[in-house]
Amino acid sequence: MIQLTEETWVADIVKEVPKTGDLFRKLGIDFCCGGKIPLREAAASRGLHAGELLTQVREVKEAQAQHKQMQPSSLETSELIAYIQEKYHARLREELSALTPYVTKLTRVHGERYPHLKWVNELFSLLKQELSDHIQNEEDQVFPMIQAFLEEATAERAYVLNPHVSKLQDEHQAVVELLKELRLITNGFEPMQEACATHRLVLKRLEDLEADIFNHILLENCTLIERTKQAQLKI
């Protein structure tokens, strides 16, 4: 249990209190790849009062404590990997596939009237390809390598594993950048007043997808990958 202050890293706050991810996402604060900064600095970057933001964080923590939610970061490595694959990978594959025809239809029907939708479609296609390749590589290669390394941490295994971990983190950052651009060109996934039902559905599901992906990346970066780094320090 960490003490939450204005100097606590944003990533550590979300790791300790996962539901704060929703708060930070709404405020436009990057808690995934850019989360290793103090809450005070993150607040300043968005023109927010650090003390007021800290109060909101503590309120979320209190609400979460009342619900006694299980913390995935407390799972053993094999259980954590299974959790990531079942909760995030399986759902991600399903949603990316299910959402594709809606995004395509929206672009086809309204792309001429709203040209930015063509870029939404292109960004979504890039995101889908990036994530599909990424999670397949994790399951086929990287997760088994991490599991083996944490079971028996040796310098040789670390040497083989490190380039793969670095590549995963680079891919995480690339996904975050695509999501940032999607949020920007859709005005924070906010539908226009005259938006049709399909338009509203696409934006809402893109926003939900963003939340899931951010939580997914955070769990991998700050728990699974962090475990490998800590294990290497003991070799």
Protein backbone atom coordinates (compact mmCIF):
# COMPACT_ATOMS: atom_id res chain seq x y z
CA MET A 1 0.00 0.00 0.00
CA ILE A 2 1.55 3.27 -1.11
CA GLN A 3 0.80 6.72 0.26
CA LEU A 4 -0.91 8.90 -2.33
CA THR A 5 0.58 12.40 -2.52
CA GLU A 6 1.16 15.01 -5.19
CA GLU A 7 4.62 13.49 -5.69
CA THR A 8 3.34 9.96 -6.36
CA TRP A 9 3.83 8.82 -9.95
CA VAL A 10 0.64 8.67 -12.00
CA ALA A 11 1.43 5.10 -13.11
CA ASP A 12 1.88 4.02 -9.48
CA ILE A 13 -1.45 5.58 -8.55
CA VAL A 14 -3.28 3.62 -11.24
CA LYS A 15 -1.41 0.46 -10.29
CA GLU A 16 -2.55 0.92 -6.68
CA VAL A 17 -6.05 2.16 -7.53
CA PRO A 18 -7.01 0.87 -11.02
CA LYS A 19 -10.27 2.83 -11.19
CA THR A 20 -8.29 6.10 -11.21
CA GLY A 21 -7.46 5.19 -14.82
CA ASP A 22 -10.98 6.30 -15.77
CA LEU A 23 -10.43 9.66 -14.02
CA PHE A 24 -7.07 10.27 -15.71
CA ARG A 25 -8.40 9.22 -19.11
CA LYS A 26 -11.26 11.73 -18.91
CA LEU A 27 -8.82 14.47 -17.91
CA GLY A 28 -6.46 13.64 -20.78
CA ILE A 29 -3.65 12.49 -18.48
CA ASP A 30 -1.46 9.72 -19.94
CA PHE A 31 -1.13 7.01 -17.29
CA CYS A 32 0.30 4.32 -19.56
CA CYS A 33 3.61 4.97 -21.27
CA GLY A 34 3.81 8.55 -20.00
CA GLY A 35 2.74 7.78 -16.46
CA LYS A 36 6.12 7.90 -14.75
CA ILE A 37 5.73 11.51 -13.62
CA PRO A 38 4.45 12.97 -10.33
CA LEU A 39 0.75 13.72 -10.01
CA ARG A 40 1.71 17.36 -9.46
CA GLU A 41 3.44 17.53 -12.85
CA ALA A 42 0.60 15.72 -14.62
CA ALA A 43 -1.92 18.15 -13.15
CA ALA A 44 0.14 21.17 -14.24
CA SER A 45 0.42 19.82 -17.79
CA ARG A 46 -3.38 19.88 -18.05
CA GLY A 47 -3.86 23.19 -16.23
CA LEU A 48 -5.35 21.49 -13.17
CA HIS A 49 -4.89 22.17 -9.45
CA ALA A 50 -2.78 19.34 -8.01
CA GLY A 51 -4.48 19.40 -4.62
CA GLU A 52 -7.94 19.13 -6.13
CA LEU A 53 -6.82 16.30 -8.39
CA LEU A 54 -5.31 14.46 -5.43
CA THR A 55 -8.64 14.79 -3.60
CA GLN A 56 -10.42 13.18 -6.55
CA VAL A 57 -7.85 10.38 -6.60
CA ARG A 58 -8.39 9.69 -2.90
CA GLU A 59 -12.16 9.66 -3.39
CA VAL A 60 -11.78 7.02 -6.09
CA LYS A 61 -9.50 5.01 -3.81
CA GLU A 62 -12.05 5.12 -1.00
CA ALA A 63 -14.86 4.04 -3.31
CA GLN A 64 -12.76 1.19 -4.66
CA ALA A 65 -11.82 0.03 -1.16
CA GLN A 66 -15.50 -0.22 -0.30
CA HIS A 67 -16.06 -2.59 -3.21
CA LYS A 68 -13.06 -4.76 -2.25
CA GLN A 69 -12.06 -5.29 -5.87
CA MET A 70 -9.39 -7.84 -6.64
CA GLN A 71 -6.06 -6.35 -7.71
CA PRO A 72 -4.66 -8.16 -10.78
CA SER A 73 -1.17 -6.95 -9.80
CA SER A 74 -1.30 -9.29 -6.80
CA LEU A 75 -1.58 -12.41 -8.99
CA GLU A 76 1.27 -14.85 -9.52
CA THR A 77 2.94 -14.52 -12.92
CA SER A 78 1.19 -17.48 -14.59
CA GLU A 79 -2.16 -16.30 -13.23
CA LEU A 80 -1.44 -12.71 -14.31
CA ILE A 81 -0.60 -13.80 -17.87
CA ALA A 82 -3.79 -15.89 -18.02
CA TYR A 83 -5.75 -12.92 -16.68
CA ILE A 84 -4.34 -10.60 -19.36
CA GLN A 85 -5.14 -13.08 -22.11
CA GLU A 86 -8.66 -13.84 -20.89
CA LYS A 87 -9.75 -10.35 -19.81
CA TYR A 88 -7.97 -8.20 -22.39
CA HIS A 89 -6.69 -10.21 -25.36
CA ALA A 90 -9.84 -12.26 -25.95
CA ARG A 91 -12.13 -9.24 -25.54
CA LEU A 92 -9.87 -7.08 -27.70
CA ARG A 93 -9.92 -9.56 -30.58
CA GLU A 94 -13.70 -9.80 -30.34
CA GLU A 95 -14.31 -6.04 -30.21
CA LEU A 96 -11.87 -5.14 -32.98
CA SER A 97 -13.61 -7.62 -35.25
CA ALA A 98 -17.13 -6.57 -34.22
CA LEU A 99 -16.46 -2.85 -34.53
CA THR A 100 -14.87 -3.02 -38.00
CA PRO A 101 -18.12 -3.14 -40.05
CA TYR A 102 -19.55 -0.20 -38.09
CA VAL A 103 -16.50 1.98 -38.72
CA THR A 104 -16.50 0.97 -42.39
CA LYS A 105 -20.22 1.74 -42.77
CA LEU A 106 -19.87 5.10 -41.02
CA THR A 107 -17.08 6.13 -43.37
CA ARG A 108 -18.91 4.93 -46.47
CA VAL A 109 -22.18 6.67 -45.61
CA HIS A 110 -20.94 9.89 -44.02
CA GLY A 111 -17.32 10.21 -45.16
CA GLU A 112 -18.09 12.80 -47.82
CA ARG A 113 -20.02 15.02 -45.43
CA TYR A 114 -17.53 14.56 -42.58
CA PRO A 115 -14.07 14.03 -44.13
CA HIS A 116 -12.43 13.38 -40.75
CA LEU A 117 -14.28 10.05 -40.62
CA LYS A 118 -12.02 8.74 -43.39
CA TRP A 119 -9.04 9.38 -41.11
CA VAL A 120 -10.91 7.71 -38.22
CA ASN A 121 -11.30 4.64 -40.42
CA GLU A 122 -7.63 4.68 -41.40
CA LEU A 123 -6.46 5.10 -37.81
CA PHE A 124 -8.76 2.32 -36.63
CA SER A 125 -7.38 0.01 -39.33
CA LEU A 126 -3.83 0.79 -38.23
CA LEU A 127 -4.78 0.24 -34.59
CA LYS A 128 -6.44 -3.07 -35.39
CA GLN A 129 -3.42 -4.37 -37.30
CA GLU A 130 -0.94 -3.15 -34.67
CA LEU A 131 -2.86 -4.72 -31.80
CA SER A 132 -3.60 -7.99 -33.60
CA ASP A 133 0.08 -8.56 -34.38
CA HIS A 134 1.11 -7.36 -30.93
CA ILE A 135 -1.06 -9.65 -28.82
CA GLN A 136 -0.34 -12.66 -31.05
CA ASN A 137 3.40 -12.10 -30.57
CA GLU A 138 2.92 -11.76 -26.82
CA GLU A 139 1.05 -15.04 -26.57
CA ASP A 140 3.27 -17.02 -28.93
CA GLN A 141 6.68 -15.74 -27.86
CA VAL A 142 7.08 -13.07 -25.23
CA PHE A 143 4.78 -14.26 -22.45
CA PRO A 144 6.32 -17.76 -22.43
CA MET A 145 9.79 -16.17 -22.35
CA ILE A 146 8.83 -13.92 -19.42
CA GLN A 147 7.30 -16.86 -17.56
CA ALA A 148 10.44 -18.96 -18.06
CA PHE A 149 12.72 -16.09 -17.03
CA LEU A 150 10.82 -15.36 -13.82
CA GLU A 151 10.88 -19.06 -12.92
CA GLU A 152 14.66 -19.16 -13.38
CA ALA A 153 16.27 -15.74 -13.82
CA THR A 154 19.66 -16.05 -15.48
CA ALA A 155 21.84 -13.54 -17.30
CA GLU A 156 21.55 -15.57 -20.51
CA ARG A 157 17.76 -15.54 -20.42
CA ALA A 158 17.73 -11.84 -19.62
CA TYR A 159 19.95 -11.13 -22.62
CA VAL A 160 17.54 -12.98 -24.94
CA LEU A 161 14.41 -11.50 -23.34
CA ASN A 162 15.35 -7.81 -23.18
CA PRO A 163 15.04 -6.94 -26.90
CA HIS A 164 11.56 -8.50 -26.95
CA VAL A 165 10.47 -6.52 -23.90
CA SER A 166 11.81 -3.30 -25.40
CA LYS A 167 9.89 -4.01 -28.61
CA LEU A 168 6.69 -4.57 -26.63
CA GLN A 169 7.08 -1.24 -24.88
CA ASP A 170 7.72 0.52 -28.21
CA GLU A 171 4.56 -1.06 -29.59
CA HIS A 172 2.62 0.04 -26.52
CA GLN A 173 3.74 3.61 -27.13
CA ALA A 174 2.74 3.38 -30.80
CA VAL A 175 -0.75 2.21 -29.80
CA VAL A 176 -1.08 5.06 -27.28
CA GLU A 177 -0.16 7.57 -29.99
CA LEU A 178 -2.82 6.16 -32.33
CA LEU A 179 -5.42 6.40 -29.56
CA LYS A 180 -4.40 9.98 -28.80
CA GLU A 181 -4.90 10.89 -32.44
CA LEU A 182 -8.28 9.16 -32.55
CA ARG A 183 -9.39 11.08 -29.46
CA LEU A 184 -8.15 14.34 -30.95
CA ILE A 185 -9.88 14.11 -34.32
CA THR A 186 -13.17 12.92 -32.76
CA ASN A 187 -13.20 15.78 -30.24
CA GLY A 188 -12.80 13.42 -27.31
CA PHE A 189 -15.19 10.87 -28.85
CA GLU A 190 -17.95 13.45 -28.51
CA PRO A 191 -20.68 13.07 -31.15
CA MET A 192 -22.02 16.10 -32.99
CA GLN A 193 -25.59 17.04 -32.23
CA GLU A 194 -26.80 15.76 -35.60
CA ALA A 195 -24.81 12.49 -35.40
CA CYS A 196 -26.75 9.36 -36.39
CA ALA A 197 -27.09 6.27 -34.21
CA THR A 198 -24.20 4.47 -35.93
CA HIS A 199 -21.96 7.51 -35.48
CA ARG A 200 -22.75 7.63 -31.76
CA LEU A 201 -22.28 3.88 -31.37
CA VAL A 202 -18.86 3.97 -33.03
CA LEU A 203 -17.62 6.85 -30.88
CA LYS A 204 -18.88 5.27 -27.64
CA ARG A 205 -17.29 1.92 -28.45
CA LEU A 206 -14.03 3.56 -29.49
CA GLU A 207 -13.94 5.36 -26.14
CA ASP A 208 -14.62 2.11 -24.26
CA LEU A 209 -11.94 0.40 -26.35
CA GLU A 210 -9.47 3.15 -25.42
CA ALA A 211 -10.17 2.62 -21.71
CA ASP A 212 -9.64 -1.15 -21.99
CA ILE A 213 -6.40 -0.74 -23.96
CA PHE A 214 -4.98 1.80 -21.51
CA ASN A 215 -5.69 -0.49 -18.55
CA HIS A 216 -4.26 -3.43 -20.50
CA ILE A 217 -1.01 -1.60 -21.31
CA LEU A 218 -0.67 -0.32 -17.76
CA LEU A 219 -0.96 -3.82 -16.33
CA GLU A 220 1.70 -5.14 -18.68
CA ASN A 221 4.12 -2.21 -18.30
CA CYS A 222 3.86 -1.60 -14.58
CA THR A 223 3.33 -5.15 -13.32
CA LEU A 224 4.44 -7.88 -15.73
CA ILE A 225 7.37 -6.07 -17.36
CA GLU A 226 8.34 -4.41 -14.08
CA ARG A 227 8.67 -7.88 -12.51
CA THR A 228 11.22 -8.85 -15.14
CA LYS A 229 13.22 -5.69 -14.43
CA GLN A 230 13.21 -6.32 -10.70
CA ALA A 231 14.26 -9.93 -11.23
CA GLN A 232 17.20 -8.80 -13.38
CA LEU A 233 18.45 -6.57 -10.58
CA LYS A 234 18.87 -9.68 -8.43
CA ILE A 235 20.98 -11.63 -10.93
